[in-house]
Protein backbone atom coordinates (compact mmCIF):
# COMPACT_ATOMS: atom_id res chain seq x y z
CA LEU A 1 98.51 193.26 125.82
CA LEU A 2 96.31 192.26 123.26
CA LEU A 3 93.28 194.11 124.34
CA TYR A 4 95.89 197.41 124.91
CA ALA A 5 96.17 196.88 121.59
CA LYS A 6 93.25 196.79 120.39
CA GLU A 7 92.36 199.59 123.11
CA LEU A 8 94.94 201.48 120.99
CA ASN A 9 93.93 200.97 117.79
CA ASN A 10 90.73 201.78 118.05
CA LEU A 11 91.24 205.37 119.95
CA PHE A 12 93.75 205.92 116.87
CA TYR A 13 90.82 204.92 113.82
CA ASN A 14 87.54 206.16 115.87
CA ASP A 15 88.58 209.28 118.17
CA GLU A 16 88.24 212.47 116.89
CA ARG A 17 91.22 213.41 118.75
CA PHE A 18 92.94 211.94 116.27
CA SER A 19 91.57 213.38 112.94
CA ASN A 20 93.41 216.54 111.20
CA ASN A 21 89.57 217.72 111.35
CA TYR A 22 90.13 218.48 115.21
CA PHE A 23 93.67 219.89 115.43
CA GLN A 24 92.09 222.36 112.60
CA LYS A 25 89.63 223.33 115.75
CA ILE A 26 92.84 223.55 118.29
CA GLU A 27 94.98 225.49 116.13
CA ASN A 28 92.00 228.08 115.65
CA ASN A 29 92.02 228.32 119.90
CA LEU A 30 95.72 228.85 120.39
CA SER A 31 96.35 231.73 122.73
CA ASN A 32 99.87 233.15 124.23
CA ILE A 33 98.95 231.74 127.51
CA GLN A 34 97.25 228.64 127.54
CA SER A 35 99.16 224.89 126.59
CA ASN A 36 97.58 222.99 124.01
CA LYS A 37 94.42 220.81 125.32
CA LEU A 38 94.66 218.09 122.53
CA ILE A 39 98.33 218.10 123.10
CA ASN A 40 97.77 217.19 126.96
CA ASP A 41 95.21 215.37 126.73
CA LEU A 42 97.10 212.85 124.23
CA ILE A 43 99.75 212.94 126.04
CA LYS A 44 98.17 212.01 129.09
CA LEU A 45 96.39 208.93 127.10
CA ILE A 46 99.92 207.45 125.99
CA LYS A 47 101.66 208.14 129.61
CA TYR A 48 98.79 206.02 130.68
CA TYR A 49 99.25 203.12 127.92
CA PHE A 50 102.76 203.59 128.62
CA GLU A 51 102.23 202.87 132.78
CA LYS A 52 100.13 200.26 131.23
CA TYR A 53 102.79 198.37 129.45
CA LEU A 54 105.48 198.97 131.98
CA LEU A 55 103.15 197.17 134.54
CA SER A 56 102.56 194.30 132.12
CA SER A 57 106.29 193.44 131.39
CA ILE A 58 106.78 193.51 134.60
CA ILE A 59 104.51 190.97 135.57
CA ILE A 60 105.77 188.97 132.58
CA ARG A 61 109.67 189.69 133.47
CA CYS A 62 108.81 187.80 136.87
CA TYR A 63 106.81 184.61 135.51
CA ILE A 64 110.14 184.10 132.94
CA GLN A 65 112.67 184.65 135.03
CA ILE A 66 110.28 182.46 138.14
CA HIS A 67 110.30 179.92 135.30
CA VAL A 68 114.32 180.04 134.15
CA PRO A 69 116.16 176.80 135.01
CA SER A 70 120.04 176.98 135.31
CA SER A 71 121.42 176.33 132.35
CA GLN A 72 122.77 172.82 131.89
CA SER A 73 124.78 170.97 129.27
CA GLY A 74 121.76 169.38 127.23
CA ASN A 75 118.21 170.64 126.13
CA ASN A 76 118.81 175.14 126.51
CA GLN A 77 116.37 176.11 123.32
CA GLY A 78 113.58 177.25 125.88
CA VAL A 79 115.87 178.78 128.05
CA ASN A 80 117.55 180.81 125.47
CA ILE A 81 114.04 181.84 124.18
CA GLN A 82 113.24 182.64 127.66
CA ASN A 83 115.96 184.79 127.57
CA GLN A 84 114.91 186.61 123.85
CA ILE A 85 112.30 187.37 125.20
CA LEU A 86 113.41 189.47 128.73
CA LYS A 87 115.59 191.10 126.15
CA GLU A 88 112.91 192.14 123.83
CA LEU A 89 110.85 193.41 126.77
CA ASP A 90 114.04 195.42 128.05
CA ASP A 91 114.04 196.98 124.32
CA MET A 92 110.42 198.01 124.42
CA LYS A 93 111.29 199.67 128.41
CA ILE A 94 114.10 201.31 126.59
CA ILE A 95 112.04 202.67 123.57
CA ILE A 96 109.21 203.83 126.14
CA GLU A 97 111.33 205.61 128.09
CA THR A 98 112.86 207.64 125.55
CA ASN A 99 109.33 208.51 124.18
CA GLU A 100 108.37 209.82 128.02
CA ASN A 101 111.56 212.18 127.42
CA ILE A 102 109.87 213.96 124.33
CA PHE A 103 107.13 215.29 126.65
CA ILE A 104 109.55 216.96 128.78
CA ASP A 105 111.14 218.47 125.45
CA TYR A 106 107.77 219.19 124.26
CA TYR A 107 106.98 221.39 127.34
CA LYS A 108 110.22 223.20 127.45
CA LYS A 109 110.20 224.14 124.05
CA HIS A 110 106.34 225.12 124.15
CA TYR A 111 107.33 227.47 127.25
CA GLU A 112 110.07 229.01 125.34
CA ILE A 113 107.93 230.00 122.35
CA LEU A 114 104.91 231.11 124.46
CA LYS A 115 107.43 233.32 126.77
CA TYR A 116 108.38 235.01 122.76
CA LEU A 117 105.31 235.39 122.16
CA ASN A 118 104.18 237.20 124.82
CA LYS A 119 107.15 239.49 125.04
CA PHE A 120 106.71 240.14 121.17
CA PRO A 121 102.86 239.65 120.37
CA SER A 122 103.22 241.73 117.08
CA ILE A 123 105.80 239.38 115.66
CA GLU A 124 103.60 237.27 113.66
CA ASP A 125 106.30 234.68 112.86
CA TYR A 126 106.24 233.70 116.28
CA HIS A 127 102.77 232.62 116.05
CA LEU A 128 103.41 230.98 112.83
CA TYR A 129 105.80 228.54 115.05
CA LEU A 130 103.54 227.54 117.58
CA ILE A 131 101.13 226.85 115.48
CA GLU A 132 104.12 224.45 112.91
CA TYR A 133 105.31 223.46 116.41
CA GLU A 134 101.89 221.90 117.49
CA LYS A 135 101.13 220.64 114.46
CA LYS A 136 104.81 218.73 114.47
CA ASN A 137 104.03 217.26 118.15
CA PHE A 138 100.39 216.43 117.26
CA TYR A 139 101.85 213.85 114.39
CA ASP A 140 104.42 212.45 116.61
CA LEU A 141 101.95 211.64 119.51
CA ARG A 142 99.65 210.31 116.42
CA SER A 143 103.12 208.11 115.05
CA ILE A 144 103.74 207.02 118.93
CA ILE A 145 100.63 205.70 119.73
CA LEU A 146 100.54 202.96 116.35
CA GLU A 147 104.40 202.88 117.71
CA LEU A 148 102.59 201.49 121.50
CA ARG A 149 100.57 200.10 119.36
CA THR A 150 103.34 197.35 117.60
CA ILE A 151 104.92 196.96 120.72
CA PHE A 152 101.86 195.57 122.53
CA LEU A 153 101.20 193.30 119.80
CA LYS A 154 104.72 192.93 119.11
CA THR A 155 105.04 191.61 123.15
CA TYR A 156 101.93 189.83 122.82
CA ASP A 157 102.99 187.66 119.40
CA ILE A 158 106.40 186.57 121.25
CA ILE A 159 104.75 185.22 124.00
CA MET A 160 101.70 183.33 122.07
CA LYS A 161 104.20 181.79 119.92
CA ASN A 162 106.74 180.61 122.71
CA LEU A 163 104.36 180.07 125.35
CA THR A 164 105.17 176.73 125.80
CA LYS A 165 109.08 177.28 125.91
CA ILE A 166 108.42 180.18 128.44
CA GLN A 167 106.22 177.66 130.61
CA MET A 168 107.97 174.68 130.30
CA PRO A 169 111.94 175.50 129.08
CA ARG A 170 112.61 171.93 129.01
CA ASN A 171 111.53 168.93 128.51
CA GLN A 172 109.70 167.61 131.06
CA GLN A 173 109.35 163.53 129.50
CA SER A 174 111.93 161.96 131.40
CA ILE A 175 111.76 163.75 134.89
CA SER A 176 112.39 159.86 136.40
CA MET A 177 114.29 156.96 135.23
CA ILE A 178 111.29 154.57 136.82
CA ASN A 179 109.29 155.59 134.00
């Protein structure tokens, strides 16, 4: 998780595709029939990291669920922490699924704008609308990348801080009465 968070951070700050200058180049080359290559590349990149997070969270979820003992009277603090981590993983999954719907909405709206542009090519407002729409989506995708980085870091942090409680939810000191 930490590795993916570092990759996202490096991409955001060092990759030319996230700079405003790069978007200006793309903006100048927008046409009435093509999709925006930059936006498509960013969506593919984000989907890749969504998939990485979801796969990692499935592995973590399985590990935690295997190690959750039955609730008994007594020391349930570790069990409660495990359940909190599972809830946190569910919350992060919901955020990712919500963001995935944004991509579908983008393509649908982009299609509608292009349809009007092709139907009425002389109306400049449609051209301006397309540019503003693309710009808005570019900034939205940048913020999704930062949010995804935060999700990776938050999940990593909560796991590392509670690693012993995840591995051994109850104190294993009193295993036998003979000791």
